[in-house]
Amino acid sequence: MENKFSEKTVGTVIAVKRLWQIKINTNPVRSHSLDGAVFPHTITVKYTAGGVEYIKKKFVRARLAPPRAGETVDVYFREEKPSKCKIVLEERKII
């Protein structure tokens, strides 16, 4: 089977947003409401393909540390439709 995302480029993280409304408790007993709490994030990535600039968002699980704004990430996209992409993050666990 052919890989759908055959082209690769480098994208830049332009925004990182913590989703405060989705709290995940990691401790069975807490001394206060945020003791052991982790939150998922959404990141916004800007990349260029075929001379056109695209902006995409990606959900980052709560137990993974998101990249910071300004860092670069790998973006794989379709040659025939560059707006369809796959953003690949380096997995950095926070817990």
PDB file of N, CA and C in Angstrom:
ATOM      1  N   MET A   1       0.845  -1.189   0.000  1.00  0.00           N
ATOM      2  CA  MET A   1       0.000   0.000   0.000  1.00  0.00           C
ATOM      3  C   MET A   1       0.885   1.246   0.000  1.00  0.00           C
ATOM      4  N   GLU A   2       0.516   2.195  -0.808  1.00  0.00           N
ATOM      5  CA  GLU A   2       1.291   3.418  -0.953  1.00  0.00           C
ATOM      6  C   GLU A   2       1.021   4.364   0.213  1.00  0.00           C
ATOM      7  N   ASN A   3       2.072   5.032   0.665  1.00  0.00           N
ATOM      8  CA  ASN A   3       1.935   6.000   1.750  1.00  0.00           C
ATOM      9  C   ASN A   3       1.226   7.242   1.226  1.00  0.00           C
ATOM     10  N   LYS A   4       0.153   7.659   1.877  1.00  0.00           N
ATOM     11  CA  LYS A   4      -0.619   8.816   1.431  1.00  0.00           C
ATOM     12  C   LYS A   4       0.163  10.112   1.585  1.00  0.00           C
ATOM     13  N   PHE A   5       0.936  10.208   2.639  1.00  0.00           N
ATOM     14  CA  PHE A   5       1.674  11.432   2.922  1.00  0.00           C
ATOM     15  C   PHE A   5       3.123  11.234   2.491  1.00  0.00           C
ATOM     16  N   SER A   6       3.398  11.485   1.229  1.00  0.00           N
ATOM     17  CA  SER A   6       4.705  11.167   0.664  1.00  0.00           C
ATOM     18  C   SER A   6       5.701  12.318   0.737  1.00  0.00           C
ATOM     19  N   GLU A   7       5.239  13.540   0.805  1.00  0.00           N
ATOM     20  CA  GLU A   7       6.134  14.695   0.837  1.00  0.00           C
ATOM     21  C   GLU A   7       6.362  15.151   2.274  1.00  0.00           C
ATOM     22  N   LYS A   8       7.554  15.699   2.525  1.00  0.00           N
ATOM     23  CA  LYS A   8       7.902  16.134   3.874  1.00  0.00           C
ATOM     24  C   LYS A   8       8.406  17.565   3.849  1.00  0.00           C
ATOM     25  N   THR A   9       8.028  18.315   4.872  1.00  0.00           N
ATOM     26  CA  THR A   9       8.525  19.660   5.065  1.00  0.00           C
ATOM     27  C   THR A   9       8.657  19.911   6.563  1.00  0.00           C
ATOM     28  N   VAL A  10       9.160  21.061   6.899  1.00  0.00           N
ATOM     29  CA  VAL A  10       9.310  21.436   8.302  1.00  0.00           C
ATOM     30  C   VAL A  10       8.322  22.556   8.599  1.00  0.00           C
ATOM     31  N   GLY A  11       7.560  22.383   9.675  1.00  0.00           N
ATOM     32  CA  GLY A  11       6.606  23.404  10.091  1.00  0.00           C
ATOM     33  C   GLY A  11       7.055  24.068  11.380  1.00  0.00           C
ATOM     34  N   THR A  12       6.534  25.243  11.632  1.00  0.00           N
ATOM     35  CA  THR A  12       6.863  26.000  12.838  1.00  0.00           C
ATOM     36  C   THR A  12       5.627  26.102  13.722  1.00  0.00           C
ATOM     37  N   VAL A  13       5.798  25.825  15.004  1.00  0.00           N
ATOM     38  CA  VAL A  13       4.700  25.950  15.970  1.00  0.00           C
ATOM     39  C   VAL A  13       4.506  27.439  16.241  1.00  0.00           C
ATOM     40  N   ILE A  14       3.302  27.924  15.970  1.00  0.00           N
ATOM     41  CA  ILE A  14       3.045  29.353  16.174  1.00  0.00           C
ATOM     42  C   ILE A  14       2.198  29.622  17.409  1.00  0.00           C
ATOM     43  N   ALA A  15       1.513  28.587  17.932  1.00  0.00           N
ATOM     44  CA  ALA A  15       0.702  28.780  19.142  1.00  0.00           C
ATOM     45  C   ALA A  15       0.522  27.459  19.872  1.00  0.00           C
ATOM     46  N   VAL A  16       0.519  27.529  21.197  1.00  0.00           N
ATOM     47  CA  VAL A  16       0.253  26.377  22.053  1.00  0.00           C
ATOM     48  C   VAL A  16      -0.821  26.803  23.041  1.00  0.00           C
ATOM     49  N   LYS A  17      -1.902  26.020  23.108  1.00  0.00           N
ATOM     50  CA  LYS A  17      -3.010  26.372  23.991  1.00  0.00           C
ATOM     51  C   LYS A  17      -3.322  25.200  24.912  1.00  0.00           C
ATOM     52  N   ARG A  18      -3.334  25.452  26.212  1.00  0.00           N
ATOM     53  CA  ARG A  18      -3.703  24.431  27.195  1.00  0.00           C
ATOM     54  C   ARG A  18      -5.223  24.374  27.297  1.00  0.00           C
ATOM     55  N   LEU A  19      -5.765  23.169  27.279  1.00  0.00           N
ATOM     56  CA  LEU A  19      -7.205  22.991  27.383  1.00  0.00           C
ATOM     57  C   LEU A  19      -7.579  22.795  28.849  1.00  0.00           C
ATOM     58  N   TRP A  20      -7.841  23.906  29.540  1.00  0.00           N
ATOM     59  CA  TRP A  20      -8.107  23.890  30.974  1.00  0.00           C
ATOM     60  C   TRP A  20      -9.374  23.124  31.323  1.00  0.00           C
ATOM     61  N   GLN A  21     -10.316  23.049  30.411  1.00  0.00           N
ATOM     62  CA  GLN A  21     -11.587  22.399  30.720  1.00  0.00           C
ATOM     63  C   GLN A  21     -11.491  20.879  30.733  1.00  0.00           C
ATOM     64  N   ILE A  22     -10.372  20.313  30.272  1.00  0.00           N
ATOM     65  CA  ILE A  22     -10.176  18.862  30.286  1.00  0.00           C
ATOM     66  C   ILE A  22      -9.056  18.553  31.282  1.00  0.00           C
ATOM     67  N   LYS A  23      -9.408  18.266  32.525  1.00  0.00           N
ATOM     68  CA  LYS A  23      -8.420  17.999  33.576  1.00  0.00           C
ATOM     69  C   LYS A  23      -8.333  16.495  33.804  1.00  0.00           C
ATOM     70  N   ILE A  24      -7.111  15.988  33.858  1.00  0.00           N
ATOM     71  CA  ILE A  24      -6.885  14.571  34.118  1.00  0.00           C
ATOM     72  C   ILE A  24      -6.088  14.464  35.411  1.00  0.00           C
ATOM     73  N   ASN A  25      -6.666  13.782  36.407  1.00  0.00           N
ATOM     74  CA  ASN A  25      -5.995  13.611  37.694  1.00  0.00           C
ATOM     75  C   ASN A  25      -5.079  12.397  37.626  1.00  0.00           C
ATOM     76  N   THR A  26      -3.850  12.563  38.098  1.00  0.00           N
ATOM     77  CA  THR A  26      -2.890  11.462  38.093  1.00  0.00           C
ATOM     78  C   THR A  26      -2.626  10.900  39.484  1.00  0.00           C
ATOM     79  N   ASN A  27      -3.036  11.611  40.518  1.00  0.00           N
ATOM     80  CA  ASN A  27      -2.855  11.134  41.890  1.00  0.00           C
ATOM     81  C   ASN A  27      -4.185  10.606  42.432  1.00  0.00           C
ATOM     82  N   PRO A  28      -4.158   9.481  43.158  1.00  0.00           N
ATOM     83  CA  PRO A  28      -5.415   8.966  43.726  1.00  0.00           C
ATOM     84  C   PRO A  28      -5.959   9.844  44.849  1.00  0.00           C
ATOM     85  N   VAL A  29      -5.070  10.507  45.572  1.00  0.00           N
ATOM     86  CA  VAL A  29      -5.472  11.400  46.657  1.00  0.00           C
ATOM     87  C   VAL A  29      -4.810  12.746  46.400  1.00  0.00           C
ATOM     88  N   ARG A  30      -5.603  13.813  46.502  1.00  0.00           N
ATOM     89  CA  ARG A  30      -5.063  15.134  46.199  1.00  0.00           C
ATOM     90  C   ARG A  30      -5.181  16.041  47.417  1.00  0.00           C
ATOM     91  N   SER A  31      -4.200  16.916  47.599  1.00  0.00           N
ATOM     92  CA  SER A  31      -4.259  17.872  48.698  1.00  0.00           C
ATOM     93  C   SER A  31      -4.968  19.165  48.270  1.00  0.00           C
ATOM     94  N   HIS A  32      -5.021  19.446  46.970  1.00  0.00           N
ATOM     95  CA  HIS A  32      -5.782  20.575  46.426  1.00  0.00           C
ATOM     96  C   HIS A  32      -6.231  20.213  45.018  1.00  0.00           C
ATOM     97  N   SER A  33      -7.007  21.053  44.389  1.00  0.00           N
ATOM     98  CA  SER A  33      -7.674  20.689  43.131  1.00  0.00           C
ATOM     99  C   SER A  33      -6.723  20.455  41.959  1.00  0.00           C
ATOM    100  N   LEU A  34      -5.559  21.080  41.954  1.00  0.00           N
ATOM    101  CA  LEU A  34      -4.628  20.898  40.839  1.00  0.00           C
ATOM    102  C   LEU A  34      -3.447  19.992  41.183  1.00  0.00           C
ATOM    103  N   ASP A  35      -3.498  19.326  42.319  1.00  0.00           N
ATOM    104  CA  ASP A  35      -2.422  18.416  42.720  1.00  0.00           C
ATOM    105  C   ASP A  35      -2.424  17.196  41.803  1.00  0.00           C
ATOM    106  N   GLY A  36      -1.372  17.044  40.994  1.00  0.00           N
ATOM    107  CA  GLY A  36      -1.250  15.910  40.092  1.00  0.00           C
ATOM    108  C   GLY A  36      -2.097  16.016  38.839  1.00  0.00           C
ATOM    109  N   ALA A  37      -2.656  17.181  38.562  1.00  0.00           N
ATOM    110  CA  ALA A  37      -3.494  17.353  37.374  1.00  0.00           C
ATOM    111  C   ALA A  37      -2.629  17.646  36.154  1.00  0.00           C
ATOM    112  N   VAL A  38      -2.982  17.035  35.026  1.00  0.00           N
ATOM    113  CA  VAL A  38      -2.341  17.327  33.745  1.00  0.00           C
ATOM    114  C   VAL A  38      -3.435  17.698  32.751  1.00  0.00           C
ATOM    115  N   PHE A  39      -3.053  18.477  31.745  1.00  0.00           N
ATOM    116  CA  PHE A  39      -4.010  18.990  30.779  1.00  0.00           C
ATOM    117  C   PHE A  39      -3.514  18.724  29.355  1.00  0.00           C
ATOM    118  N   PRO A  40      -4.413  18.382  28.433  1.00  0.00           N
ATOM    119  CA  PRO A  40      -4.014  18.264  27.027  1.00  0.00           C
ATOM    120  C   PRO A  40      -3.827  19.656  26.418  1.00  0.00           C
ATOM    121  N   HIS A  41      -3.225  19.698  25.256  1.00  0.00           N
ATOM    122  CA  HIS A  41      -2.951  20.956  24.559  1.00  0.00           C
ATOM    123  C   HIS A  41      -3.380  20.843  23.102  1.00  0.00           C
ATOM    124  N   THR A  42      -3.554  21.988  22.473  1.00  0.00           N
ATOM    125  CA  THR A  42      -3.637  22.049  21.020  1.00  0.00           C
ATOM    126  C   THR A  42      -2.504  22.941  20.549  1.00  0.00           C
ATOM    127  N   ILE A  43      -1.869  22.517  19.462  1.00  0.00           N
ATOM    128  CA  ILE A  43      -0.806  23.338  18.890  1.00  0.00           C
ATOM    129  C   ILE A  43      -1.242  23.774  17.496  1.00  0.00           C
ATOM    130  N   THR A  44      -0.799  24.948  17.093  1.00  0.00           N
ATOM    131  CA  THR A  44      -1.053  25.460  15.762  1.00  0.00           C
ATOM    132  C   THR A  44       0.276  25.507  15.026  1.00  0.00           C
ATOM    133  N   VAL A  45       0.315  24.870  13.859  1.00  0.00           N
ATOM    134  CA  VAL A  45       1.549  24.740  13.084  1.00  0.00           C
ATOM    135  C   VAL A  45       1.378  25.423  11.734  1.00  0.00           C
ATOM    136  N   LYS A  46       2.400  26.172  11.330  1.00  0.00           N
ATOM    137  CA  LYS A  46       2.417  26.827  10.026  1.00  0.00           C
ATOM    138  C   LYS A  46       3.482  26.151   9.176  1.00  0.00           C
ATOM    139  N   TYR A  47       3.115  25.753   7.953  1.00  0.00           N
ATOM    140  CA  TYR A  47       4.079  25.133   7.045  1.00  0.00           C
ATOM    141  C   TYR A  47       3.817  25.609   5.622  1.00  0.00           C
ATOM    142  N   THR A  48       4.837  25.468   4.768  1.00  0.00           N
ATOM    143  CA  THR A  48       4.743  25.886   3.377  1.00  0.00           C
ATOM    144  C   THR A  48       4.908  24.686   2.476  1.00  0.00           C
ATOM    145  N   ALA A  49       4.006  24.548   1.502  1.00  0.00           N
ATOM    146  CA  ALA A  49       4.075  23.461   0.530  1.00  0.00           C
ATOM    147  C   ALA A  49       3.705  24.011  -0.838  1.00  0.00           C
ATOM    148  N   GLY A  50       4.593  23.848  -1.791  1.00  0.00           N
ATOM    149  CA  GLY A  50       4.321  24.327  -3.145  1.00  0.00           C
ATOM    150  C   GLY A  50       4.188  25.832  -3.229  1.00  0.00           C
ATOM    151  N   GLY A  51       4.867  26.560  -2.366  1.00  0.00           N
ATOM    152  CA  GLY A  51       4.811  28.015  -2.373  1.00  0.00           C
ATOM    153  C   GLY A  51       3.592  28.599  -1.677  1.00  0.00           C
ATOM    154  N   VAL A  52       2.734  27.738  -1.126  1.00  0.00           N
ATOM    155  CA  VAL A  52       1.536  28.200  -0.417  1.00  0.00           C
ATOM    156  C   VAL A  52       1.702  27.896   1.066  1.00  0.00           C
ATOM    157  N   GLU A  53       1.303  28.849   1.901  1.00  0.00           N
ATOM    158  CA  GLU A  53       1.424  28.687   3.347  1.00  0.00           C
ATOM    159  C   GLU A  53       0.126  28.118   3.920  1.00  0.00           C
ATOM    160  N   TYR A  54       0.258  27.108   4.790  1.00  0.00           N
ATOM    161  CA  TYR A  54      -0.890  26.456   5.405  1.00  0.00           C
ATOM    162  C   TYR A  54      -0.761  26.548   6.919  1.00  0.00           C
ATOM    163  N   ILE A  55      -1.900  26.566   7.603  1.00  0.00           N
ATOM    164  CA  ILE A  55      -1.936  26.561   9.066  1.00  0.00           C
ATOM    165  C   ILE A  55      -2.861  25.434   9.497  1.00  0.00           C
ATOM    166  N   LYS A  56      -2.367  24.550  10.370  1.00  0.00           N
ATOM    167  CA  LYS A  56      -3.137  23.404  10.861  1.00  0.00           C
ATOM    168  C   LYS A  56      -3.016  23.317  12.371  1.00  0.00           C
ATOM    169  N   LYS A  57      -4.020  22.690  13.007  1.00  0.00           N
ATOM    170  CA  LYS A  57      -4.004  22.462  14.450  1.00  0.00           C
ATOM    171  C   LYS A  57      -3.884  20.976  14.737  1.00  0.00           C
ATOM    172  N   LYS A  58      -3.268  20.655  15.882  1.00  0.00           N
ATOM    173  CA  LYS A  58      -3.109  19.266  16.297  1.00  0.00           C
ATOM    174  C   LYS A  58      -3.362  19.167  17.797  1.00  0.00           C
ATOM    175  N   PHE A  59      -4.055  18.104  18.208  1.00  0.00           N
ATOM    176  CA  PHE A  59      -4.328  17.809  19.609  1.00  0.00           C
ATOM    177  C   PHE A  59      -3.143  17.031  20.177  1.00  0.00           C
ATOM    178  N   VAL A  60      -2.647  17.428  21.348  1.00  0.00           N
ATOM    179  CA  VAL A  60      -1.537  16.749  22.021  1.00  0.00           C
ATOM    180  C   VAL A  60      -2.066  16.179  23.327  1.00  0.00           C
ATOM    181  N   ARG A  61      -1.893  14.870  23.504  1.00  0.00           N
ATOM    182  CA  ARG A  61      -2.401  14.193  24.702  1.00  0.00           C
ATOM    183  C   ARG A  61      -1.836  14.811  25.977  1.00  0.00           C
ATOM    184  N   ALA A  62      -2.539  14.585  27.079  1.00  0.00           N
ATOM    185  CA  ALA A  62      -2.192  15.215  28.349  1.00  0.00           C
ATOM    186  C   ALA A  62      -0.856  14.739  28.902  1.00  0.00           C
ATOM    187  N   ARG A  63      -0.496  13.495  28.692  1.00  0.00           N
ATOM    188  CA  ARG A  63       0.741  12.974  29.278  1.00  0.00           C
ATOM    189  C   ARG A  63       1.983  13.273  28.439  1.00  0.00           C
ATOM    190  N   LEU A  64       1.815  13.980  27.324  1.00  0.00           N
ATOM    191  CA  LEU A  64       2.950  14.364  26.489  1.00  0.00           C
ATOM    192  C   LEU A  64       3.176  15.867  26.598  1.00  0.00           C
ATOM    193  N   ALA A  65       4.437  16.251  26.656  1.00  0.00           N
ATOM    194  CA  ALA A  65       4.779  17.670  26.711  1.00  0.00           C
ATOM    195  C   ALA A  65       4.710  18.239  25.296  1.00  0.00           C
ATOM    196  N   PRO A  66       3.943  19.298  25.093  1.00  0.00           N
ATOM    197  CA  PRO A  66       3.837  19.874  23.749  1.00  0.00           C
ATOM    198  C   PRO A  66       5.095  20.662  23.391  1.00  0.00           C
ATOM    199  N   PRO A  67       5.372  20.838  22.108  1.00  0.00           N
ATOM    200  CA  PRO A  67       6.496  21.702  21.727  1.00  0.00           C
ATOM    201  C   PRO A  67       6.157  23.152  22.062  1.00  0.00           C
ATOM    202  N   ARG A  68       7.174  23.956  22.223  1.00  0.00           N
ATOM    203  CA  ARG A  68       6.962  25.371  22.524  1.00  0.00           C
ATOM    204  C   ARG A  68       6.775  26.164  21.233  1.00  0.00           C
ATOM    205  N   ALA A  69       6.188  27.324  21.360  1.00  0.00           N
ATOM    206  CA  ALA A  69       6.021  28.210  20.203  1.00  0.00           C
ATOM    207  C   ALA A  69       7.395  28.568  19.657  1.00  0.00           C
ATOM    208  N   GLY A  70       7.553  28.471  18.349  1.00  0.00           N
ATOM    209  CA  GLY A  70       8.820  28.753  17.694  1.00  0.00           C
ATOM    210  C   GLY A  70       9.626  27.512  17.359  1.00  0.00           C
ATOM    211  N   GLU A  71       9.306  26.374  17.979  1.00  0.00           N
ATOM    212  CA  GLU A  71      10.011  25.129  17.668  1.00  0.00           C
ATOM    213  C   GLU A  71       9.538  24.598  16.319  1.00  0.00           C
ATOM    214  N   THR A  72      10.348  23.736  15.720  1.00  0.00           N
ATOM    215  CA  THR A  72       9.991  23.152  14.438  1.00  0.00           C
ATOM    216  C   THR A  72       9.538  21.708  14.622  1.00  0.00           C
ATOM    217  N   VAL A  73       8.632  21.268  13.751  1.00  0.00           N
ATOM    218  CA  VAL A  73       8.110  19.906  13.760  1.00  0.00           C
ATOM    219  C   VAL A  73       8.090  19.398  12.315  1.00  0.00           C
ATOM    220  N   ASP A  74       8.090  18.078  12.149  1.00  0.00           N
ATOM    221  CA  ASP A  74       8.002  17.475  10.824  1.00  0.00           C
ATOM    222  C   ASP A  74       6.548  17.424  10.376  1.00  0.00           C
ATOM    223  N   VAL A  75       6.311  17.795   9.133  1.00  0.00           N
ATOM    224  CA  VAL A  75       4.968  17.772   8.555  1.00  0.00           C
ATOM    225  C   VAL A  75       5.029  16.952   7.268  1.00  0.00           C
ATOM    226  N   TYR A  76       4.206  15.922   7.202  1.00  0.00           N
ATOM    227  CA  TYR A  76       4.079  15.108   5.992  1.00  0.00           C
ATOM    228  C   TYR A  76       2.751  15.470   5.337  1.00  0.00           C
ATOM    229  N   PHE A  77       2.786  15.696   4.019  1.00  0.00           N
ATOM    230  CA  PHE A  77       1.569  16.087   3.324  1.00  0.00           C
ATOM    231  C   PHE A  77       1.435  15.347   1.999  1.00  0.00           C
ATOM    232  N   ARG A  78       0.228  15.411   1.441  1.00  0.00           N
ATOM    233  CA  ARG A  78      -0.040  14.791   0.153  1.00  0.00           C
ATOM    234  C   ARG A  78       0.437  15.713  -0.970  1.00  0.00           C
ATOM    235  N   GLU A  79       1.086  15.140  -1.951  1.00  0.00           N
ATOM    236  CA  GLU A  79       1.595  15.942  -3.068  1.00  0.00           C
ATOM    237  C   GLU A  79       0.451  16.574  -3.861  1.00  0.00           C
ATOM    238  N   GLU A  80      -0.634  15.814  -4.079  1.00  0.00           N
ATOM    239  CA  GLU A  80      -1.749  16.328  -4.877  1.00  0.00           C
ATOM    240  C   GLU A  80      -2.659  17.264  -4.090  1.00  0.00           C
ATOM    241  N   LYS A  81      -2.633  17.177  -2.753  1.00  0.00           N
ATOM    242  CA  LYS A  81      -3.458  18.050  -1.915  1.00  0.00           C
ATOM    243  C   LYS A  81      -2.677  18.397  -0.642  1.00  0.00           C
ATOM    244  N   PRO A  82      -1.829  19.427  -0.701  1.00  0.00           N
ATOM    245  CA  PRO A  82      -0.964  19.759   0.445  1.00  0.00           C
ATOM    246  C   PRO A  82      -1.699  20.214   1.696  1.00  0.00           C
ATOM    247  N   SER A  83      -2.984  20.542   1.583  1.00  0.00           N
ATOM    248  CA  SER A  83      -3.722  20.961   2.779  1.00  0.00           C
ATOM    249  C   SER A  83      -4.004  19.783   3.710  1.00  0.00           C
ATOM    250  N   LYS A  84      -3.935  18.561   3.206  1.00  0.00           N
ATOM    251  CA  LYS A  84      -4.063  17.362   4.034  1.00  0.00           C
ATOM    252  C   LYS A  84      -2.672  17.000   4.532  1.00  0.00           C
ATOM    253  N   CYS A  85      -2.503  16.963   5.847  1.00  0.00           N
ATOM    254  CA  CYS A  85      -1.163  16.730   6.376  1.00  0.00           C
ATOM    255  C   CYS A  85      -1.198  15.878   7.638  1.00  0.00           C
ATOM    256  N   LYS A  86      -0.012  15.431   8.014  1.00  0.00           N
ATOM    257  CA  LYS A  86       0.196  14.678   9.247  1.00  0.00           C
ATOM    258  C   LYS A  86       1.348  15.355   9.980  1.00  0.00           C
ATOM    259  N   ILE A  87       1.085  15.814  11.179  1.00  0.00           N
ATOM    260  CA  ILE A  87       2.109  16.496  11.979  1.00  0.00           C
ATOM    261  C   ILE A  87       2.715  15.487  12.936  1.00  0.00           C
ATOM    262  N   VAL A  88       4.028  15.334  12.866  1.00  0.00           N
ATOM    263  CA  VAL A  88       4.731  14.346  13.679  1.00  0.00           C
ATOM    264  C   VAL A  88       5.497  15.078  14.776  1.00  0.00           C
ATOM    265  N   LEU A  89       5.194  14.696  16.027  1.00  0.00           N
ATOM    266  CA  LEU A  89       5.853  15.316  17.180  1.00  0.00           C
ATOM    267  C   LEU A  89       6.823  14.335  17.819  1.00  0.00           C
ATOM    268  N   GLU A  90       7.874  14.868  18.379  1.00  0.00           N
ATOM    269  CA  GLU A  90       8.787  14.053  19.181  1.00  0.00           C
ATOM    270  C   GLU A  90       8.091  13.804  20.514  1.00  0.00           C
ATOM    271  N   GLU A  91       7.964  12.535  20.899  1.00  0.00           N
ATOM    272  CA  GLU A  91       7.252  12.233  22.138  1.00  0.00           C
ATOM    273  C   GLU A  91       8.122  12.518  23.357  1.00  0.00           C
ATOM    274  N   ARG A  92       7.681  13.482  24.153  1.00  0.00           N
ATOM    275  CA  ARG A  92       8.342  13.838  25.400  1.00  0.00           C
ATOM    276  C   ARG A  92       7.337  13.678  26.512  1.00  0.00           C
ATOM    277  N   LYS A  93       7.514  12.681  27.322  1.00  0.00           N
ATOM    278  CA  LYS A  93       6.568  12.413  28.412  1.00  0.00           C
ATOM    279  C   LYS A  93       6.826  13.365  29.570  1.00  0.00           C
ATOM    280  N   ILE A  94       5.744  13.831  30.176  1.00  0.00           N
ATOM    281  CA  ILE A  94       5.878  14.719  31.329  1.00  0.00           C
ATOM    282  C   ILE A  94       5.682  13.967  32.628  1.00  0.00           C
ATOM    283  N   ILE A  95       5.135  12.763  32.546  1.00  0.00           N
ATOM    284  CA  ILE A  95       4.920  11.968  33.756  1.00  0.00           C
ATOM    285  C   ILE A  95       5.679  10.668  33.643  1.00  0.00           C
TER     286      ILE A  95
END
